[in-house]
Amino acid sequence: MIPPIMPSSIPIEPTAGTNSAAAQDKEDVALRQACLQFEEVFTATLLKKGLTQAAEAWGDEEEGANTAYKEMAFEQMAQHLGGMHLLGLADTLYSQIKQSGSNLGGDDR
């Protein structure tokens, strides 16, 4: 019986196939972008929901166009603050994913 080939027993050569260093850099950039986008969306959603609930709690529920403008203002403010990456969530998420060695491409080979 032939023993199965384990991934750690396969020699990895940097020059094998396409430029693997460039591919790794491309994956790192894509992972970093995904983490930044996640932090932006998460922060924006959190702020928008909080601002909307605060307005409702203060009895500031108005009907019509004023509510629509307020919602748009909340959304713009939340997106702006989320894009500033104040929470540091993207850095933490990126570090954790890099340490776990997760495959960004989704291949489970």
PDB file of N, CA and C in Angstrom:
ATOM      1  N   MET A   1       0.846  -1.183   0.000  1.00  0.00           N
ATOM      2  CA  MET A   1       0.000   0.000   0.000  1.00  0.00           C
ATOM      3  C   MET A   1       0.886   1.240   0.000  1.00  0.00           C
ATOM      4  N   ILE A   2       0.548   2.183  -0.849  1.00  0.00           N
ATOM      5  CA  ILE A   2       1.308   3.417  -0.963  1.00  0.00           C
ATOM      6  C   ILE A   2       0.751   4.425   0.031  1.00  0.00           C
ATOM      7  N   PRO A   3       1.623   5.029   0.861  1.00  0.00           N
ATOM      8  CA  PRO A   3       1.124   6.017   1.828  1.00  0.00           C
ATOM      9  C   PRO A   3       0.634   7.270   1.106  1.00  0.00           C
ATOM     10  N   PRO A   4      -0.397   7.918   1.638  1.00  0.00           N
ATOM     11  CA  PRO A   4      -0.909   9.139   1.000  1.00  0.00           C
ATOM     12  C   PRO A   4       0.128  10.258   1.074  1.00  0.00           C
ATOM     13  N   ILE A   5       0.089  11.128   0.089  1.00  0.00           N
ATOM     14  CA  ILE A   5       0.992  12.272   0.064  1.00  0.00           C
ATOM     15  C   ILE A   5       0.364  13.386   0.884  1.00  0.00           C
ATOM     16  N   MET A   6       1.091  13.797   1.885  1.00  0.00           N
ATOM     17  CA  MET A   6       0.618  14.875   2.737  1.00  0.00           C
ATOM     18  C   MET A   6       1.109  16.203   2.167  1.00  0.00           C
ATOM     19  N   PRO A   7       0.333  17.280   2.304  1.00  0.00           N
ATOM     20  CA  PRO A   7       0.733  18.578   1.748  1.00  0.00           C
ATOM     21  C   PRO A   7       2.107  19.045   2.208  1.00  0.00           C
ATOM     22  N   SER A   8       2.488  18.742   3.453  1.00  0.00           N
ATOM     23  CA  SER A   8       3.782  19.203   3.953  1.00  0.00           C
ATOM     24  C   SER A   8       4.941  18.429   3.342  1.00  0.00           C
ATOM     25  N   SER A   9       4.676  17.260   2.743  1.00  0.00           N
ATOM     26  CA  SER A   9       5.748  16.474   2.143  1.00  0.00           C
ATOM     27  C   SER A   9       6.011  16.842   0.693  1.00  0.00           C
ATOM     28  N   ILE A  10       5.197  17.733   0.127  1.00  0.00           N
ATOM     29  CA  ILE A  10       5.392  18.157  -1.251  1.00  0.00           C
ATOM     30  C   ILE A  10       6.320  19.366  -1.243  1.00  0.00           C
ATOM     31  N   PRO A  11       7.464  19.272  -1.942  1.00  0.00           N
ATOM     32  CA  PRO A  11       8.359  20.431  -1.961  1.00  0.00           C
ATOM     33  C   PRO A  11       7.729  21.589  -2.726  1.00  0.00           C
ATOM     34  N   ILE A  12       7.843  22.761  -2.159  1.00  0.00           N
ATOM     35  CA  ILE A  12       7.291  23.945  -2.794  1.00  0.00           C
ATOM     36  C   ILE A  12       8.452  24.785  -3.312  1.00  0.00           C
ATOM     37  N   GLU A  13       8.471  24.975  -4.615  1.00  0.00           N
ATOM     38  CA  GLU A  13       9.528  25.767  -5.229  1.00  0.00           C
ATOM     39  C   GLU A  13       8.954  27.121  -5.625  1.00  0.00           C
ATOM     40  N   PRO A  14       9.644  28.219  -5.278  1.00  0.00           N
ATOM     41  CA  PRO A  14       9.130  29.542  -5.611  1.00  0.00           C
ATOM     42  C   PRO A  14       8.996  29.784  -7.101  1.00  0.00           C
ATOM     43  N   THR A  15       9.766  29.070  -7.929  1.00  0.00           N
ATOM     44  CA  THR A  15       9.712  29.301  -9.367  1.00  0.00           C
ATOM     45  C   THR A  15       8.768  28.343 -10.075  1.00  0.00           C
ATOM     46  N   ALA A  16       8.128  27.454  -9.360  1.00  0.00           N
ATOM     47  CA  ALA A  16       7.235  26.475  -9.983  1.00  0.00           C
ATOM     48  C   ALA A  16       5.966  27.168 -10.473  1.00  0.00           C
ATOM     49  N   GLY A  17       5.529  26.789 -11.665  1.00  0.00           N
ATOM     50  CA  GLY A  17       4.288  27.340 -12.216  1.00  0.00           C
ATOM     51  C   GLY A  17       4.433  28.808 -12.518  1.00  0.00           C
ATOM     52  N   THR A  18       3.342  29.555 -12.339  1.00  0.00           N
ATOM     53  CA  THR A  18       3.395  31.000 -12.546  1.00  0.00           C
ATOM     54  C   THR A  18       4.115  31.636 -11.380  1.00  0.00           C
ATOM     55  N   ASN A  19       4.382  32.873 -11.464  1.00  0.00           N
ATOM     56  CA  ASN A  19       5.125  33.585 -10.435  1.00  0.00           C
ATOM     57  C   ASN A  19       4.361  33.511  -9.112  1.00  0.00           C
ATOM     58  N   SER A  20       4.774  32.591  -8.223  1.00  0.00           N
ATOM     59  CA  SER A  20       4.023  32.361  -6.988  1.00  0.00           C
ATOM     60  C   SER A  20       4.139  33.522  -6.009  1.00  0.00           C
ATOM     61  N   ALA A  21       5.265  34.239  -6.023  1.00  0.00           N
ATOM     62  CA  ALA A  21       5.403  35.394  -5.135  1.00  0.00           C
ATOM     63  C   ALA A  21       4.418  36.480  -5.546  1.00  0.00           C
ATOM     64  N   ALA A  22       4.277  36.685  -6.841  1.00  0.00           N
ATOM     65  CA  ALA A  22       3.319  37.686  -7.323  1.00  0.00           C
ATOM     66  C   ALA A  22       1.889  37.250  -7.016  1.00  0.00           C
ATOM     67  N   ALA A  23       1.625  35.953  -7.149  1.00  0.00           N
ATOM     68  CA  ALA A  23       0.285  35.442  -6.835  1.00  0.00           C
ATOM     69  C   ALA A  23      -0.021  35.611  -5.352  1.00  0.00           C
ATOM     70  N   GLN A  24       0.983  35.362  -4.502  1.00  0.00           N
ATOM     71  CA  GLN A  24       0.800  35.531  -3.054  1.00  0.00           C
ATOM     72  C   GLN A  24       0.561  36.995  -2.715  1.00  0.00           C
ATOM     73  N   ASP A  25       1.321  37.889  -3.349  1.00  0.00           N
ATOM     74  CA  ASP A  25       1.121  39.321  -3.126  1.00  0.00           C
ATOM     75  C   ASP A  25      -0.280  39.746  -3.552  1.00  0.00           C
ATOM     76  N   LYS A  26      -0.725  39.210  -4.684  1.00  0.00           N
ATOM     77  CA  LYS A  26      -2.062  39.539  -5.179  1.00  0.00           C
ATOM     78  C   LYS A  26      -3.131  39.051  -4.198  1.00  0.00           C
ATOM     79  N   GLU A  27      -2.930  37.842  -3.635  1.00  0.00           N
ATOM     80  CA  GLU A  27      -3.877  37.317  -2.641  1.00  0.00           C
ATOM     81  C   GLU A  27      -3.863  38.170  -1.379  1.00  0.00           C
ATOM     82  N   ASP A  28      -2.666  38.603  -0.957  1.00  0.00           N
ATOM     83  CA  ASP A  28      -2.566  39.447   0.237  1.00  0.00           C
ATOM     84  C   ASP A  28      -3.294  40.772   0.037  1.00  0.00           C
ATOM     85  N   VAL A  29      -3.131  41.362  -1.141  1.00  0.00           N
ATOM     86  CA  VAL A  29      -3.809  42.620  -1.442  1.00  0.00           C
ATOM     87  C   VAL A  29      -5.325  42.414  -1.456  1.00  0.00           C
ATOM     88  N   ALA A  30      -5.764  41.309  -2.059  1.00  0.00           N
ATOM     89  CA  ALA A  30      -7.199  41.018  -2.109  1.00  0.00           C
ATOM     90  C   ALA A  30      -7.752  40.770  -0.708  1.00  0.00           C
ATOM     91  N   LEU A  31      -6.998  40.054   0.120  1.00  0.00           N
ATOM     92  CA  LEU A  31      -7.427  39.794   1.491  1.00  0.00           C
ATOM     93  C   LEU A  31      -7.507  41.095   2.276  1.00  0.00           C
ATOM     94  N   ARG A  32      -6.498  41.949   2.118  1.00  0.00           N
ATOM     95  CA  ARG A  32      -6.476  43.238   2.819  1.00  0.00           C
ATOM     96  C   ARG A  32      -7.675  44.088   2.408  1.00  0.00           C
ATOM     97  N   GLN A  33      -7.964  44.128   1.101  1.00  0.00           N
ATOM     98  CA  GLN A  33      -9.112  44.890   0.602  1.00  0.00           C
ATOM     99  C   GLN A  33     -10.417  44.338   1.166  1.00  0.00           C
ATOM    100  N   ALA A  34     -10.542  43.023   1.208  1.00  0.00           N
ATOM    101  CA  ALA A  34     -11.759  42.409   1.744  1.00  0.00           C
ATOM    102  C   ALA A  34     -11.938  42.761   3.218  1.00  0.00           C
ATOM    103  N   CYS A  35     -10.845  42.754   3.975  1.00  0.00           N
ATOM    104  CA  CYS A  35     -10.913  43.104   5.400  1.00  0.00           C
ATOM    105  C   CYS A  35     -11.298  44.566   5.590  1.00  0.00           C
ATOM    106  N   LEU A  36     -10.736  45.445   4.774  1.00  0.00           N
ATOM    107  CA  LEU A  36     -11.079  46.865   4.851  1.00  0.00           C
ATOM    108  C   LEU A  36     -12.545  47.103   4.492  1.00  0.00           C
ATOM    109  N   GLN A  37     -13.008  46.413   3.457  1.00  0.00           N
ATOM    110  CA  GLN A  37     -14.414  46.552   3.059  1.00  0.00           C
ATOM    111  C   GLN A  37     -15.341  46.015   4.136  1.00  0.00           C
ATOM    112  N   PHE A  38     -14.956  44.903   4.763  1.00  0.00           N
ATOM    113  CA  PHE A  38     -15.775  44.348   5.833  1.00  0.00           C
ATOM    114  C   PHE A  38     -15.890  45.345   6.980  1.00  0.00           C
ATOM    115  N   GLU A  39     -14.757  45.941   7.387  1.00  0.00           N
ATOM    116  CA  GLU A  39     -14.802  46.917   8.474  1.00  0.00           C
ATOM    117  C   GLU A  39     -15.671  48.113   8.104  1.00  0.00           C
ATOM    118  N   GLU A  40     -15.563  48.564   6.871  1.00  0.00           N
ATOM    119  CA  GLU A  40     -16.357  49.704   6.430  1.00  0.00           C
ATOM    120  C   GLU A  40     -17.846  49.397   6.480  1.00  0.00           C
ATOM    121  N   VAL A  41     -18.241  48.250   5.950  1.00  0.00           N
ATOM    122  CA  VAL A  41     -19.661  47.870   5.928  1.00  0.00           C
ATOM    123  C   VAL A  41     -20.167  47.621   7.348  1.00  0.00           C
ATOM    124  N   PHE A  42     -19.375  46.927   8.164  1.00  0.00           N
ATOM    125  CA  PHE A  42     -19.772  46.626   9.538  1.00  0.00           C
ATOM    126  C   PHE A  42     -19.973  47.910  10.336  1.00  0.00           C
ATOM    127  N   THR A  43     -18.993  48.826  10.254  1.00  0.00           N
ATOM    128  CA  THR A  43     -19.082  50.084  10.996  1.00  0.00           C
ATOM    129  C   THR A  43     -20.255  50.925  10.508  1.00  0.00           C
ATOM    130  N   ALA A  44     -20.424  51.000   9.197  1.00  0.00           N
ATOM    131  CA  ALA A  44     -21.524  51.780   8.634  1.00  0.00           C
ATOM    132  C   ALA A  44     -22.866  51.225   9.076  1.00  0.00           C
ATOM    133  N   THR A  45     -23.017  49.919   9.039  1.00  0.00           N
ATOM    134  CA  THR A  45     -24.273  49.291   9.455  1.00  0.00           C
ATOM    135  C   THR A  45     -24.539  49.534  10.931  1.00  0.00           C
ATOM    136  N   LEU A  46     -23.511  49.377  11.742  1.00  0.00           N
ATOM    137  CA  LEU A  46     -23.633  49.588  13.177  1.00  0.00           C
ATOM    138  C   LEU A  46     -24.044  51.025  13.493  1.00  0.00           C
ATOM    139  N   LEU A  47     -23.379  51.981  12.869  1.00  0.00           N
ATOM    140  CA  LEU A  47     -23.697  53.387  13.116  1.00  0.00           C
ATOM    141  C   LEU A  47     -25.083  53.769  12.601  1.00  0.00           C
ATOM    142  N   LYS A  48     -25.395  53.318  11.388  1.00  0.00           N
ATOM    143  CA  LYS A  48     -26.699  53.668  10.816  1.00  0.00           C
ATOM    144  C   LYS A  48     -27.831  53.118  11.680  1.00  0.00           C
ATOM    145  N   LYS A  49     -27.680  51.873  12.103  1.00  0.00           N
ATOM    146  CA  LYS A  49     -28.718  51.263  12.940  1.00  0.00           C
ATOM    147  C   LYS A  49     -28.831  52.007  14.270  1.00  0.00           C
ATOM    148  N   GLY A  50     -27.680  52.343  14.851  1.00  0.00           N
ATOM    149  CA  GLY A  50     -27.690  53.064  16.124  1.00  0.00           C
ATOM    150  C   GLY A  50     -28.302  54.446  16.003  1.00  0.00           C
ATOM    151  N   LEU A  51     -27.958  55.169  14.945  1.00  0.00           N
ATOM    152  CA  LEU A  51     -28.518  56.508  14.748  1.00  0.00           C
ATOM    153  C   LEU A  51     -30.023  56.447  14.502  1.00  0.00           C
ATOM    154  N   THR A  52     -30.458  55.467  13.730  1.00  0.00           N
ATOM    155  CA  THR A  52     -31.881  55.319  13.446  1.00  0.00           C
ATOM    156  C   THR A  52     -32.656  54.986  14.723  1.00  0.00           C
ATOM    157  N   GLN A  53     -32.112  54.071  15.526  1.00  0.00           N
ATOM    158  CA  GLN A  53     -32.788  53.703  16.769  1.00  0.00           C
ATOM    159  C   GLN A  53     -32.791  54.854  17.767  1.00  0.00           C
ATOM    160  N   ALA A  54     -31.714  55.640  17.788  1.00  0.00           N
ATOM    161  CA  ALA A  54     -31.663  56.792  18.692  1.00  0.00           C
ATOM    162  C   ALA A  54     -32.716  57.825  18.298  1.00  0.00           C
ATOM    163  N   ALA A  55     -32.849  58.046  17.005  1.00  0.00           N
ATOM    164  CA  ALA A  55     -33.861  59.009  16.537  1.00  0.00           C
ATOM    165  C   ALA A  55     -35.262  58.534  16.900  1.00  0.00           C
ATOM    166  N   GLU A  56     -35.502  57.244  16.785  1.00  0.00           N
ATOM    167  CA  GLU A  56     -36.821  56.693  17.160  1.00  0.00           C
ATOM    168  C   GLU A  56     -37.036  56.801  18.661  1.00  0.00           C
ATOM    169  N   ALA A  57     -36.001  56.555  19.441  1.00  0.00           N
ATOM    170  CA  ALA A  57     -36.126  56.609  20.898  1.00  0.00           C
ATOM    171  C   ALA A  57     -36.399  58.029  21.387  1.00  0.00           C
ATOM    172  N   TRP A  58     -35.872  59.011  20.673  1.00  0.00           N
ATOM    173  CA  TRP A  58     -36.102  60.402  21.048  1.00  0.00           C
ATOM    174  C   TRP A  58     -37.427  60.924  20.532  1.00  0.00           C
ATOM    175  N   GLY A  59     -38.194  60.057  19.907  1.00  0.00           N
ATOM    176  CA  GLY A  59     -39.495  60.462  19.404  1.00  0.00           C
ATOM    177  C   GLY A  59     -39.386  61.341  18.178  1.00  0.00           C
ATOM    178  N   ASP A  60     -38.324  61.153  17.433  1.00  0.00           N
ATOM    179  CA  ASP A  60     -38.072  61.984  16.262  1.00  0.00           C
ATOM    180  C   ASP A  60     -38.547  61.285  14.990  1.00  0.00           C
ATOM    181  N   GLU A  61     -39.677  60.625  15.092  1.00  0.00           N
ATOM    182  CA  GLU A  61     -40.217  59.914  13.934  1.00  0.00           C
ATOM    183  C   GLU A  61     -41.119  60.848  13.141  1.00  0.00           C
ATOM    184  N   GLU A  62     -40.637  61.242  11.996  1.00  0.00           N
ATOM    185  CA  GLU A  62     -41.415  62.114  11.127  1.00  0.00           C
ATOM    186  C   GLU A  62     -41.735  61.348   9.863  1.00  0.00           C
ATOM    187  N   GLU A  63     -42.830  61.673   9.279  1.00  0.00           N
ATOM    188  CA  GLU A  63     -43.266  60.990   8.060  1.00  0.00           C
ATOM    189  C   GLU A  63     -42.781  61.743   6.832  1.00  0.00           C
ATOM    190  N   GLY A  64     -42.726  61.029   5.728  1.00  0.00           N
ATOM    191  CA  GLY A  64     -42.480  61.668   4.443  1.00  0.00           C
ATOM    192  C   GLY A  64     -41.026  61.851   4.096  1.00  0.00           C
ATOM    193  N   ALA A  65     -40.799  62.932   3.332  1.00  0.00           N
ATOM    194  CA  ALA A  65     -39.481  63.189   2.753  1.00  0.00           C
ATOM    195  C   ALA A  65     -38.417  63.462   3.812  1.00  0.00           C
ATOM    196  N   ASN A  66     -38.793  64.091   4.912  1.00  0.00           N
ATOM    197  CA  ASN A  66     -37.819  64.415   5.944  1.00  0.00           C
ATOM    198  C   ASN A  66     -37.153  63.159   6.482  1.00  0.00           C
ATOM    199  N   THR A  67     -37.909  62.101   6.655  1.00  0.00           N
ATOM    200  CA  THR A  67     -37.365  60.828   7.125  1.00  0.00           C
ATOM    201  C   THR A  67     -36.397  60.261   6.094  1.00  0.00           C
ATOM    202  N   ALA A  68     -36.731  60.362   4.834  1.00  0.00           N
ATOM    203  CA  ALA A  68     -35.857  59.853   3.776  1.00  0.00           C
ATOM    204  C   ALA A  68     -34.537  60.614   3.764  1.00  0.00           C
ATOM    205  N   TYR A  69     -34.588  61.932   3.906  1.00  0.00           N
ATOM    206  CA  TYR A  69     -33.361  62.734   3.936  1.00  0.00           C
ATOM    207  C   TYR A  69     -32.515  62.383   5.155  1.00  0.00           C
ATOM    208  N   LYS A  70     -33.182  62.189   6.284  1.00  0.00           N
ATOM    209  CA  LYS A  70     -32.464  61.837   7.504  1.00  0.00           C
ATOM    210  C   LYS A  70     -31.783  60.482   7.349  1.00  0.00           C
ATOM    211  N   GLU A  71     -32.483  59.521   6.751  1.00  0.00           N
ATOM    212  CA  GLU A  71     -31.895  58.194   6.519  1.00  0.00           C
ATOM    213  C   GLU A  71     -30.680  58.291   5.604  1.00  0.00           C
ATOM    214  N   MET A  72     -30.793  59.112   4.542  1.00  0.00           N
ATOM    215  CA  MET A  72     -29.660  59.288   3.632  1.00  0.00           C
ATOM    216  C   MET A  72     -28.484  59.944   4.350  1.00  0.00           C
ATOM    217  N   ALA A  73     -28.776  60.920   5.213  1.00  0.00           N
ATOM    218  CA  ALA A  73     -27.713  61.592   5.967  1.00  0.00           C
ATOM    219  C   ALA A  73     -27.034  60.604   6.916  1.00  0.00           C
ATOM    220  N   PHE A  74     -27.824  59.788   7.605  1.00  0.00           N
ATOM    221  CA  PHE A  74     -27.265  58.771   8.494  1.00  0.00           C
ATOM    222  C   PHE A  74     -26.379  57.808   7.708  1.00  0.00           C
ATOM    223  N   GLU A  75     -26.856  57.387   6.538  1.00  0.00           N
ATOM    224  CA  GLU A  75     -26.103  56.443   5.721  1.00  0.00           C
ATOM    225  C   GLU A  75     -24.779  57.052   5.252  1.00  0.00           C
ATOM    226  N   GLN A  76     -24.814  58.302   4.796  1.00  0.00           N
ATOM    227  CA  GLN A  76     -23.586  58.958   4.338  1.00  0.00           C
ATOM    228  C   GLN A  76     -22.591  59.137   5.480  1.00  0.00           C
ATOM    229  N   MET A  77     -23.083  59.546   6.633  1.00  0.00           N
ATOM    230  CA  MET A  77     -22.209  59.724   7.788  1.00  0.00           C
ATOM    231  C   MET A  77     -21.613  58.382   8.211  1.00  0.00           C
ATOM    232  N   ALA A  78     -22.420  57.354   8.225  1.00  0.00           N
ATOM    233  CA  ALA A  78     -21.951  56.029   8.614  1.00  0.00           C
ATOM    234  C   ALA A  78     -20.912  55.507   7.624  1.00  0.00           C
ATOM    235  N   GLN A  79     -21.140  55.696   6.327  1.00  0.00           N
ATOM    236  CA  GLN A  79     -20.174  55.249   5.329  1.00  0.00           C
ATOM    237  C   GLN A  79     -18.856  56.013   5.460  1.00  0.00           C
ATOM    238  N   HIS A  80     -18.954  57.306   5.699  1.00  0.00           N
ATOM    239  CA  HIS A  80     -17.740  58.118   5.853  1.00  0.00           C
ATOM    240  C   HIS A  80     -16.927  57.659   7.061  1.00  0.00           C
ATOM    241  N   LEU A  81     -17.579  57.526   8.189  1.00  0.00           N
ATOM    242  CA  LEU A  81     -16.882  57.086   9.403  1.00  0.00           C
ATOM    243  C   LEU A  81     -16.379  55.654   9.262  1.00  0.00           C
ATOM    244  N   GLY A  82     -17.168  54.806   8.614  1.00  0.00           N
ATOM    245  CA  GLY A  82     -16.731  53.427   8.388  1.00  0.00           C
ATOM    246  C   GLY A  82     -15.505  53.360   7.499  1.00  0.00           C
ATOM    247  N   GLY A  83     -15.423  54.256   6.519  1.00  0.00           N
ATOM    248  CA  GLY A  83     -14.282  54.292   5.622  1.00  0.00           C
ATOM    249  C   GLY A  83     -13.008  54.801   6.273  1.00  0.00           C
ATOM    250  N   MET A  84     -13.113  55.401   7.443  1.00  0.00           N
ATOM    251  CA  MET A  84     -11.934  55.905   8.151  1.00  0.00           C
ATOM    252  C   MET A  84     -11.208  54.791   8.902  1.00  0.00           C
ATOM    253  N   HIS A  85     -11.833  53.641   9.059  1.00  0.00           N
ATOM    254  CA  HIS A  85     -11.241  52.458   9.709  1.00  0.00           C
ATOM    255  C   HIS A  85     -10.741  52.780  11.122  1.00  0.00           C
ATOM    256  N   LEU A  86     -11.611  53.408  11.886  1.00  0.00           N
ATOM    257  CA  LEU A  86     -11.266  53.830  13.242  1.00  0.00           C
ATOM    258  C   LEU A  86     -11.229  52.672  14.241  1.00  0.00           C
ATOM    259  N   LEU A  87     -11.955  51.615  13.958  1.00  0.00           N
ATOM    260  CA  LEU A  87     -12.033  50.512  14.906  1.00  0.00           C
ATOM    261  C   LEU A  87     -10.808  49.597  14.872  1.00  0.00           C
ATOM    262  N   GLY A  88     -10.093  49.585  13.763  1.00  0.00           N
ATOM    263  CA  GLY A  88      -8.953  48.678  13.630  1.00  0.00           C
ATOM    264  C   GLY A  88      -9.378  47.240  13.386  1.00  0.00           C
ATOM    265  N   LEU A  89     -10.628  47.068  13.059  1.00  0.00           N
ATOM    266  CA  LEU A  89     -11.159  45.728  12.837  1.00  0.00           C
ATOM    267  C   LEU A  89     -10.504  45.060  11.633  1.00  0.00           C
ATOM    268  N   ALA A  90     -10.239  45.821  10.574  1.00  0.00           N
ATOM    269  CA  ALA A  90      -9.633  45.258   9.367  1.00  0.00           C
ATOM    270  C   ALA A  90      -8.247  44.705   9.663  1.00  0.00           C
ATOM    271  N   ASP A  91      -7.453  45.425  10.444  1.00  0.00           N
ATOM    272  CA  ASP A  91      -6.105  44.960  10.784  1.00  0.00           C
ATOM    273  C   ASP A  91      -6.148  43.670  11.587  1.00  0.00           C
ATOM    274  N   THR A  92      -7.045  43.626  12.558  1.00  0.00           N
ATOM    275  CA  THR A  92      -7.178  42.433  13.393  1.00  0.00           C
ATOM    276  C   THR A  92      -7.655  41.247  12.569  1.00  0.00           C
ATOM    277  N   LEU A  93      -8.659  41.467  11.746  1.00  0.00           N
ATOM    278  CA  LEU A  93      -9.196  40.403  10.904  1.00  0.00           C
ATOM    279  C   LEU A  93      -8.134  39.889   9.936  1.00  0.00           C
ATOM    280  N   TYR A  94      -7.405  40.809   9.306  1.00  0.00           N
ATOM    281  CA  TYR A  94      -6.337  40.436   8.366  1.00  0.00           C
ATOM    282  C   TYR A  94      -5.278  39.580   9.069  1.00  0.00           C
ATOM    283  N   SER A  95      -4.845  40.008  10.237  1.00  0.00           N
ATOM    284  CA  SER A  95      -3.829  39.257  10.990  1.00  0.00           C
ATOM    285  C   SER A  95      -4.317  37.863  11.347  1.00  0.00           C
ATOM    286  N   GLN A  96      -5.559  37.765  11.805  1.00  0.00           N
ATOM    287  CA  GLN A  96      -6.105  36.468  12.195  1.00  0.00           C
ATOM    288  C   GLN A  96      -6.209  35.519  11.007  1.00  0.00           C
ATOM    289  N   ILE A  97      -6.646  36.023   9.873  1.00  0.00           N
ATOM    290  CA  ILE A  97      -6.788  35.177   8.690  1.00  0.00           C
ATOM    291  C   ILE A  97      -5.417  34.749   8.186  1.00  0.00           C
ATOM    292  N   LYS A  98      -4.443  35.663   8.199  1.00  0.00           N
ATOM    293  CA  LYS A  98      -3.088  35.323   7.757  1.00  0.00           C
ATOM    294  C   LYS A  98      -2.474  34.269   8.665  1.00  0.00           C
ATOM    295  N   GLN A  99      -2.694  34.387   9.975  1.00  0.00           N
ATOM    296  CA  GLN A  99      -2.145  33.405  10.921  1.00  0.00           C
ATOM    297  C   GLN A  99      -2.785  32.034  10.747  1.00  0.00           C
ATOM    298  N   SER A 100      -4.071  32.027  10.431  1.00  0.00           N
ATOM    299  CA  SER A 100      -4.757  30.745  10.285  1.00  0.00           C
ATOM    300  C   SER A 100      -4.411  30.076   8.972  1.00  0.00           C
ATOM    301  N   GLY A 101      -3.818  30.842   8.042  1.00  0.00           N
ATOM    302  CA  GLY A 101      -3.415  30.266   6.761  1.00  0.00           C
ATOM    303  C   GLY A 101      -4.581  29.959   5.863  1.00  0.00           C
ATOM    304  N   SER A 102      -5.678  30.666   6.031  1.00  0.00           N
ATOM    305  CA  SER A 102      -6.859  30.429   5.208  1.00  0.00           C
ATOM    306  C   SER A 102      -6.554  30.722   3.769  1.00  0.00           C
ATOM    307  N   ASN A 103      -7.195  29.959   2.892  1.00  0.00           N
ATOM    308  CA  ASN A 103      -7.031  30.134   1.454  1.00  0.00           C
ATOM    309  C   ASN A 103      -8.091  31.104   0.970  1.00  0.00           C
ATOM    310  N   LEU A 104      -7.658  32.238   0.430  1.00  0.00           N
ATOM    311  CA  LEU A 104      -8.587  33.263  -0.031  1.00  0.00           C
ATOM    312  C   LEU A 104      -9.383  32.807  -1.230  1.00  0.00           C
ATOM    313  N   GLY A 105      -8.777  31.989  -2.081  1.00  0.00           N
ATOM    314  CA  GLY A 105      -9.435  31.572  -3.312  1.00  0.00           C
ATOM    315  C   GLY A 105     -10.563  30.587  -3.107  1.00  0.00           C
ATOM    316  N   GLY A 106     -10.633  29.965  -1.958  1.00  0.00           N
ATOM    317  CA  GLY A 106     -11.709  29.026  -1.678  1.00  0.00           C
ATOM    318  C   GLY A 106     -11.427  27.609  -2.137  1.00  0.00           C
ATOM    319  N   ASP A 107     -10.231  27.341  -2.678  1.00  0.00           N
ATOM    320  CA  ASP A 107      -9.890  25.985  -3.091  1.00  0.00           C
ATOM    321  C   ASP A 107      -9.641  25.139  -1.859  1.00  0.00           C
ATOM    322  N   ASP A 108     -10.241  23.993  -1.805  1.00  0.00           N
ATOM    323  CA  ASP A 108     -10.041  23.066  -0.692  1.00  0.00           C
ATOM    324  C   ASP A 108      -9.228  21.856  -1.132  1.00  0.00           C
ATOM    325  N   ARG A 109      -8.291  22.082  -2.029  1.00  0.00           N
ATOM    326  CA  ARG A 109      -7.478  20.973  -2.553  1.00  0.00           C
ATOM    327  C   ARG A 109      -6.497  20.487  -1.561  1.00  0.00           C
TER     328      ARG A 109
END
